[in-house]
N, C-alpha and C. Protein backbone atom coordinates (compact mmCIF):
# COMPACT_ATOMS: atom_id res chain seq x y z
N MET A 1 118.82 93.98 135.52
CA MET A 1 119.03 92.77 134.76
C MET A 1 120.50 92.75 134.35
N ASN A 2 121.21 91.73 134.77
CA ASN A 2 122.63 91.66 134.44
C ASN A 2 122.86 90.91 133.14
N ALA A 3 124.11 90.86 132.73
CA ALA A 3 124.46 90.27 131.43
C ALA A 3 124.21 88.76 131.41
N ASP A 4 124.39 88.09 132.55
CA ASP A 4 124.16 86.64 132.59
C ASP A 4 122.69 86.30 132.38
N THR A 5 121.81 87.08 132.95
CA THR A 5 120.38 86.84 132.77
C THR A 5 119.99 87.05 131.32
N PHE A 6 120.49 88.14 130.73
CA PHE A 6 120.20 88.41 129.32
C PHE A 6 120.74 87.30 128.43
N LYS A 7 121.96 86.83 128.73
CA LYS A 7 122.56 85.76 127.94
C LYS A 7 121.77 84.47 128.07
N SER A 8 121.27 84.17 129.26
CA SER A 8 120.48 82.95 129.43
C SER A 8 119.16 83.04 128.65
N TYR A 9 118.52 84.21 128.65
CA TYR A 9 117.30 84.38 127.86
C TYR A 9 117.59 84.25 126.36
N PHE A 10 118.69 84.85 125.93
CA PHE A 10 119.05 84.78 124.52
C PHE A 10 119.36 83.34 124.11
N ASP A 11 120.11 82.62 124.95
CA ASP A 11 120.41 81.21 124.66
C ASP A 11 119.14 80.38 124.60
N MET A 12 118.20 80.66 125.49
CA MET A 12 116.93 79.94 125.49
C MET A 12 116.15 80.23 124.20
N MET A 13 116.18 81.48 123.75
CA MET A 13 115.49 81.82 122.50
C MET A 13 116.12 81.13 121.30
N VAL A 14 117.44 81.05 121.28
CA VAL A 14 118.12 80.44 120.15
C VAL A 14 117.90 78.93 120.11
N THR A 15 117.86 78.30 121.27
CA THR A 15 117.71 76.84 121.29
C THR A 15 116.26 76.41 121.17
N GLN A 16 115.32 77.19 121.65
CA GLN A 16 113.90 76.81 121.60
C GLN A 16 113.19 77.65 120.55
N ARG A 17 113.38 77.31 119.32
CA ARG A 17 112.85 78.10 118.21
C ARG A 17 111.37 77.86 117.95
N ASP A 18 110.77 76.88 118.61
CA ASP A 18 109.34 76.63 118.40
C ASP A 18 108.48 77.80 118.84
N TRP A 19 108.88 78.49 119.88
CA TRP A 19 108.10 79.61 120.38
C TRP A 19 108.81 80.95 120.19
N SER A 20 110.14 80.94 120.05
CA SER A 20 110.87 82.21 120.05
C SER A 20 110.74 82.99 118.74
N TRP A 21 110.20 82.37 117.69
CA TRP A 21 109.99 83.11 116.44
C TRP A 21 109.04 84.29 116.67
N SER A 22 108.12 84.13 117.62
CA SER A 22 107.17 85.21 117.88
C SER A 22 107.87 86.42 118.49
N ILE A 23 108.89 86.20 119.31
CA ILE A 23 109.64 87.32 119.88
C ILE A 23 110.43 88.04 118.79
N VAL A 24 111.00 87.26 117.88
CA VAL A 24 111.74 87.87 116.77
C VAL A 24 110.78 88.67 115.89
N ALA A 25 109.59 88.15 115.64
CA ALA A 25 108.60 88.87 114.82
C ALA A 25 108.15 90.15 115.53
N LEU A 26 107.94 90.08 116.84
CA LEU A 26 107.56 91.29 117.58
C LEU A 26 108.68 92.33 117.57
N ALA A 27 109.92 91.87 117.68
CA ALA A 27 111.04 92.81 117.62
C ALA A 27 111.08 93.49 116.26
N TYR A 28 110.86 92.73 115.18
CA TYR A 28 110.80 93.33 113.85
C TYR A 28 109.69 94.37 113.78
N LEU A 29 108.51 94.02 114.29
CA LEU A 29 107.38 94.95 114.22
C LEU A 29 107.67 96.23 114.98
N PHE A 30 108.20 96.13 116.20
CA PHE A 30 108.49 97.33 116.98
C PHE A 30 109.54 98.21 116.31
N VAL A 31 110.62 97.61 115.85
CA VAL A 31 111.70 98.39 115.24
C VAL A 31 111.23 99.02 113.93
N SER A 32 110.56 98.24 113.09
CA SER A 32 110.15 98.77 111.79
C SER A 32 109.01 99.79 111.92
N LEU A 33 108.10 99.59 112.87
CA LEU A 33 107.06 100.60 113.09
C LEU A 33 107.66 101.89 113.62
N TYR A 34 108.70 101.78 114.44
CA TYR A 34 109.37 102.98 114.93
C TYR A 34 109.99 103.76 113.76
N PHE A 35 110.71 103.05 112.86
CA PHE A 35 111.30 103.73 111.70
C PHE A 35 110.23 104.29 110.78
N ARG A 36 109.14 103.57 110.61
CA ARG A 36 108.04 104.07 109.78
C ARG A 36 107.46 105.34 110.39
N PHE A 37 107.29 105.33 111.71
CA PHE A 37 106.77 106.51 112.41
C PHE A 37 107.71 107.70 112.23
N ARG A 38 109.02 107.48 112.38
CA ARG A 38 109.99 108.57 112.26
C ARG A 38 110.00 109.16 110.86
N ILE A 39 109.79 108.31 109.85
CA ILE A 39 109.80 108.80 108.48
C ILE A 39 108.52 109.57 108.16
N LEU A 40 107.37 109.05 108.60
CA LEU A 40 106.09 109.67 108.25
C LEU A 40 105.67 110.79 109.18
N CYS A 41 106.31 110.94 110.35
CA CYS A 41 105.82 111.92 111.31
C CYS A 41 105.98 113.35 110.80
N GLY A 42 106.99 113.63 110.00
CA GLY A 42 107.16 114.98 109.46
C GLY A 42 106.03 115.36 108.53
N ILE A 43 105.64 114.44 107.67
CA ILE A 43 104.53 114.71 106.75
C ILE A 43 103.23 114.86 107.52
N ARG A 44 103.01 113.97 108.49
CA ARG A 44 101.78 114.01 109.27
C ARG A 44 101.69 115.32 110.07
N THR A 45 102.80 115.78 110.59
CA THR A 45 102.81 117.04 111.34
C THR A 45 102.45 118.21 110.43
N LEU A 46 102.99 118.22 109.23
CA LEU A 46 102.67 119.30 108.29
C LEU A 46 101.19 119.30 107.91
N VAL A 47 100.62 118.12 107.73
CA VAL A 47 99.20 118.04 107.37
C VAL A 47 98.34 118.46 108.56
N LYS A 48 98.76 118.11 109.78
CA LYS A 48 97.98 118.49 110.96
C LYS A 48 98.01 119.99 111.22
N GLU A 49 99.03 120.69 110.71
CA GLU A 49 99.14 122.13 110.95
C GLU A 49 98.11 122.94 110.17
N VAL A 50 97.43 122.32 109.24
CA VAL A 50 96.39 123.02 108.49
C VAL A 50 95.29 123.42 109.47
N LYS A 51 94.84 124.63 109.36
CA LYS A 51 93.87 125.16 110.32
C LYS A 51 92.55 124.40 110.32
N ASN A 52 92.13 123.95 109.16
CA ASN A 52 90.84 123.28 109.04
C ASN A 52 91.02 121.79 109.34
N ARG A 53 90.43 121.31 110.42
CA ARG A 53 90.57 119.91 110.84
C ARG A 53 89.86 118.96 109.88
N ASP A 54 88.86 119.44 109.14
CA ASP A 54 88.18 118.58 108.16
C ASP A 54 89.15 118.14 107.07
N TRP A 55 90.07 119.00 106.72
CA TRP A 55 91.05 118.64 105.70
C TRP A 55 91.91 117.48 106.18
N TYR A 56 92.33 117.54 107.45
CA TYR A 56 93.17 116.46 107.99
C TYR A 56 92.39 115.15 108.03
N ARG A 57 91.13 115.21 108.47
CA ARG A 57 90.32 113.98 108.52
C ARG A 57 90.11 113.40 107.13
N ASP A 58 89.86 114.26 106.15
CA ASP A 58 89.70 113.77 104.78
C ASP A 58 91.00 113.17 104.24
N ALA A 59 92.12 113.80 104.55
CA ALA A 59 93.41 113.27 104.09
C ALA A 59 93.69 111.92 104.75
N ARG A 60 93.37 111.79 106.02
CA ARG A 60 93.58 110.52 106.72
C ARG A 60 92.68 109.43 106.14
N ARG A 61 91.45 109.79 105.82
CA ARG A 61 90.53 108.82 105.22
C ARG A 61 91.04 108.36 103.85
N GLN A 62 91.52 109.30 103.05
CA GLN A 62 92.09 108.96 101.75
C GLN A 62 93.33 108.07 101.90
N TYR A 63 94.14 108.37 102.92
CA TYR A 63 95.35 107.56 103.15
C TYR A 63 94.98 106.12 103.48
N PHE A 64 93.98 105.92 104.32
CA PHE A 64 93.59 104.56 104.67
C PHE A 64 93.06 103.80 103.46
N LYS A 65 92.47 104.50 102.52
CA LYS A 65 91.99 103.83 101.31
C LYS A 65 93.14 103.37 100.42
N HIS A 66 94.23 104.15 100.39
CA HIS A 66 95.32 103.89 99.44
C HIS A 66 96.51 103.16 100.04
N SER A 67 96.50 102.87 101.33
CA SER A 67 97.70 102.33 101.96
C SER A 67 97.68 100.81 102.13
N ALA A 68 96.71 100.12 101.58
CA ALA A 68 96.61 98.66 101.77
C ALA A 68 97.82 97.93 101.20
N ALA A 69 98.28 98.33 100.03
CA ALA A 69 99.44 97.66 99.42
C ALA A 69 100.69 97.85 100.27
N GLY A 70 100.85 99.01 100.84
CA GLY A 70 101.99 99.26 101.72
C GLY A 70 101.96 98.40 102.97
N TRP A 71 100.75 98.20 103.53
CA TRP A 71 100.65 97.35 104.72
C TRP A 71 100.90 95.88 104.39
N VAL A 72 100.46 95.43 103.23
CA VAL A 72 100.73 94.04 102.83
C VAL A 72 102.23 93.83 102.68
N LEU A 73 102.89 94.75 101.99
CA LEU A 73 104.33 94.63 101.81
C LEU A 73 105.09 94.84 103.12
N PHE A 74 104.49 95.51 104.08
CA PHE A 74 105.10 95.70 105.39
C PHE A 74 105.14 94.39 106.17
N PHE A 75 104.10 93.56 106.02
CA PHE A 75 104.02 92.33 106.80
C PHE A 75 104.69 91.13 106.13
N VAL A 76 105.04 91.22 104.87
CA VAL A 76 105.75 90.12 104.20
C VAL A 76 107.10 89.84 104.86
N PRO A 77 107.91 90.85 105.20
CA PRO A 77 109.16 90.54 105.90
C PRO A 77 108.97 89.86 107.25
N VAL A 78 107.86 90.13 107.94
CA VAL A 78 107.59 89.44 109.20
C VAL A 78 107.49 87.94 108.96
N VAL A 79 106.78 87.58 107.92
CA VAL A 79 106.62 86.16 107.58
C VAL A 79 107.97 85.56 107.19
N ILE A 80 108.75 86.28 106.40
CA ILE A 80 110.05 85.77 105.96
C ILE A 80 110.99 85.57 107.15
N VAL A 81 111.08 86.57 108.02
CA VAL A 81 111.96 86.46 109.19
C VAL A 81 111.49 85.34 110.10
N SER A 82 110.19 85.22 110.30
CA SER A 82 109.67 84.15 111.16
C SER A 82 109.97 82.77 110.58
N LEU A 83 109.80 82.61 109.28
CA LEU A 83 110.11 81.32 108.66
C LEU A 83 111.59 80.99 108.74
N LEU A 84 112.44 81.97 108.49
CA LEU A 84 113.88 81.72 108.59
C LEU A 84 114.30 81.42 110.02
N TRP A 85 113.70 82.10 110.98
CA TRP A 85 114.04 81.85 112.38
C TRP A 85 113.56 80.46 112.81
N HIS A 86 112.39 80.09 112.39
CA HIS A 86 111.82 78.80 112.78
C HIS A 86 112.53 77.64 112.07
N LYS A 87 113.19 77.94 110.96
CA LYS A 87 113.85 76.91 110.16
C LYS A 87 114.95 76.20 110.94
N GLY A 88 115.67 76.92 111.73
CA GLY A 88 116.74 76.28 112.49
C GLY A 88 118.01 77.07 112.45
N HIS A 89 119.09 76.40 112.13
CA HIS A 89 120.43 77.00 112.19
C HIS A 89 120.55 78.15 111.19
N LEU A 90 121.11 79.24 111.69
CA LEU A 90 121.31 80.42 110.84
C LEU A 90 122.78 80.62 110.48
N SER A 91 123.67 79.84 111.12
CA SER A 91 125.09 80.12 110.95
C SER A 91 125.58 79.95 109.51
N PRO A 92 125.40 78.82 108.82
CA PRO A 92 125.77 78.88 107.41
C PRO A 92 124.58 79.42 106.61
N VAL A 93 124.65 80.67 106.23
CA VAL A 93 123.56 81.29 105.48
C VAL A 93 123.61 80.76 104.05
N THR A 94 122.55 80.08 103.67
CA THR A 94 122.49 79.53 102.32
C THR A 94 122.12 80.63 101.33
N PRO A 95 122.38 80.43 100.06
CA PRO A 95 121.99 81.45 99.07
C PRO A 95 120.48 81.70 99.06
N GLN A 96 119.68 80.66 99.32
CA GLN A 96 118.23 80.84 99.37
C GLN A 96 117.84 81.74 100.55
N ASP A 97 118.51 81.55 101.70
CA ASP A 97 118.24 82.39 102.85
C ASP A 97 118.63 83.84 102.58
N ALA A 98 119.76 84.02 101.92
CA ALA A 98 120.22 85.38 101.60
C ALA A 98 119.25 86.06 100.64
N VAL A 99 118.75 85.31 99.67
CA VAL A 99 117.77 85.88 98.73
C VAL A 99 116.49 86.25 99.47
N LEU A 100 116.03 85.37 100.37
CA LEU A 100 114.83 85.68 101.15
C LEU A 100 115.02 86.92 102.01
N LEU A 101 116.18 87.05 102.64
CA LEU A 101 116.44 88.24 103.45
C LEU A 101 116.48 89.50 102.59
N LEU A 102 117.09 89.42 101.43
CA LEU A 102 117.12 90.58 100.53
C LEU A 102 115.72 90.94 100.04
N VAL A 103 114.90 89.93 99.76
CA VAL A 103 113.52 90.19 99.35
C VAL A 103 112.76 90.86 100.49
N GLY A 104 112.98 90.39 101.73
CA GLY A 104 112.33 91.01 102.88
C GLY A 104 112.73 92.46 103.06
N ILE A 105 114.02 92.74 102.92
CA ILE A 105 114.50 94.12 103.03
C ILE A 105 113.92 94.98 101.91
N LEU A 106 113.90 94.44 100.70
CA LEU A 106 113.33 95.16 99.57
C LEU A 106 111.85 95.46 99.79
N PHE A 107 111.10 94.47 100.28
CA PHE A 107 109.68 94.68 100.54
C PHE A 107 109.46 95.72 101.64
N TYR A 108 110.33 95.74 102.64
CA TYR A 108 110.19 96.74 103.70
C TYR A 108 110.36 98.15 103.14
N PHE A 109 111.43 98.36 102.36
CA PHE A 109 111.65 99.69 101.80
C PHE A 109 110.58 100.04 100.77
N LEU A 110 110.11 99.07 100.03
CA LEU A 110 109.02 99.32 99.09
C LEU A 110 107.74 99.70 99.83
N SER A 111 107.50 99.07 100.99
CA SER A 111 106.32 99.44 101.77
C SER A 111 106.44 100.87 102.29
N LEU A 112 107.65 101.29 102.68
CA LEU A 112 107.83 102.68 103.10
C LEU A 112 107.55 103.65 101.95
N ILE A 113 108.02 103.30 100.77
CA ILE A 113 107.77 104.16 99.60
C ILE A 113 106.28 104.22 99.30
N LEU A 114 105.59 103.08 99.38
CA LEU A 114 104.15 103.07 99.12
C LEU A 114 103.38 103.86 100.17
N HIS A 115 103.82 103.80 101.44
CA HIS A 115 103.16 104.60 102.47
C HIS A 115 103.38 106.09 102.24
N LEU A 116 104.60 106.45 101.87
CA LEU A 116 104.85 107.86 101.56
C LEU A 116 104.02 108.33 100.38
N TYR A 117 103.93 107.49 99.36
CA TYR A 117 103.12 107.83 98.19
C TYR A 117 101.64 107.96 98.57
N ALA A 118 101.14 107.01 99.36
CA ALA A 118 99.73 107.05 99.75
C ALA A 118 99.43 108.29 100.59
N PHE A 119 100.32 108.61 101.52
CA PHE A 119 100.07 109.77 102.38
C PHE A 119 100.18 111.07 101.61
N SER A 120 101.18 111.19 100.77
CA SER A 120 101.32 112.45 100.02
C SER A 120 100.22 112.61 98.98
N SER A 121 99.83 111.51 98.31
CA SER A 121 98.75 111.64 97.33
C SER A 121 97.42 111.93 98.02
N ALA A 122 97.22 111.37 99.21
CA ALA A 122 96.00 111.68 99.96
C ALA A 122 95.97 113.14 100.37
N ALA A 123 97.10 113.65 100.83
CA ALA A 123 97.15 115.06 101.22
C ALA A 123 96.92 115.97 100.02
N LEU A 124 97.54 115.66 98.90
CA LEU A 124 97.38 116.50 97.71
C LEU A 124 95.98 116.43 97.13
N SER A 125 95.39 115.23 97.09
CA SER A 125 94.03 115.13 96.54
C SER A 125 93.02 115.81 97.45
N THR A 126 93.22 115.73 98.76
CA THR A 126 92.33 116.43 99.69
C THR A 126 92.48 117.93 99.54
N LEU A 127 93.70 118.39 99.42
CA LEU A 127 93.95 119.81 99.22
C LEU A 127 93.30 120.30 97.93
N LYS A 128 93.47 119.56 96.87
CA LYS A 128 92.87 119.92 95.58
C LYS A 128 91.35 119.92 95.67
N GLN A 129 90.79 118.92 96.33
CA GLN A 129 89.33 118.83 96.46
C GLN A 129 88.78 120.02 97.23
N HIS A 130 89.42 120.39 98.33
CA HIS A 130 88.91 121.50 99.14
C HIS A 130 89.15 122.85 98.48
N ILE A 131 90.24 122.99 97.76
CA ILE A 131 90.47 124.25 97.04
C ILE A 131 89.43 124.42 95.95
N ASN A 132 89.14 123.34 95.21
CA ASN A 132 88.11 123.43 94.17
C ASN A 132 86.74 123.69 94.77
N LYS A 133 86.46 123.12 95.94
CA LYS A 133 85.17 123.33 96.60
C LYS A 133 85.05 124.78 97.08
N ASP A 134 86.13 125.35 97.60
CA ASP A 134 86.10 126.73 98.08
C ASP A 134 86.05 127.74 96.93
N ARG A 135 86.58 127.36 95.79
CA ARG A 135 86.63 128.26 94.65
C ARG A 135 85.24 128.43 94.03
N PHE A 136 84.44 127.36 94.03
CA PHE A 136 83.15 127.44 93.34
C PHE A 136 82.02 127.63 94.28
């Protein structure tokens, strides 16, 4: 694929915003899920190293219970980016657009913090539960 083909696709996306917002939203999802994976993979690897697989399953179950707020905040920037893209011209960024972009960035980082909190609290509560069960 040469530069002219890429430029023609990009020009088509910029001019035909009725359908191209979905490509922008998918790009956000792929990039942000990649960063989320890179941040959480270290914790997940440490939890998987526990010899007892029941502990990992219990921690994962606890994580799914506590991670709903993080997932909601993760998808808010998708909506914001899609609305801004579908709106039209991006060249003069209005103060309202800048505020929306900052809110989207803030929600993304807040979702990462909530996911880290949910995963670490799930791992710690599962560890505490199994240690107390083994002790008695």
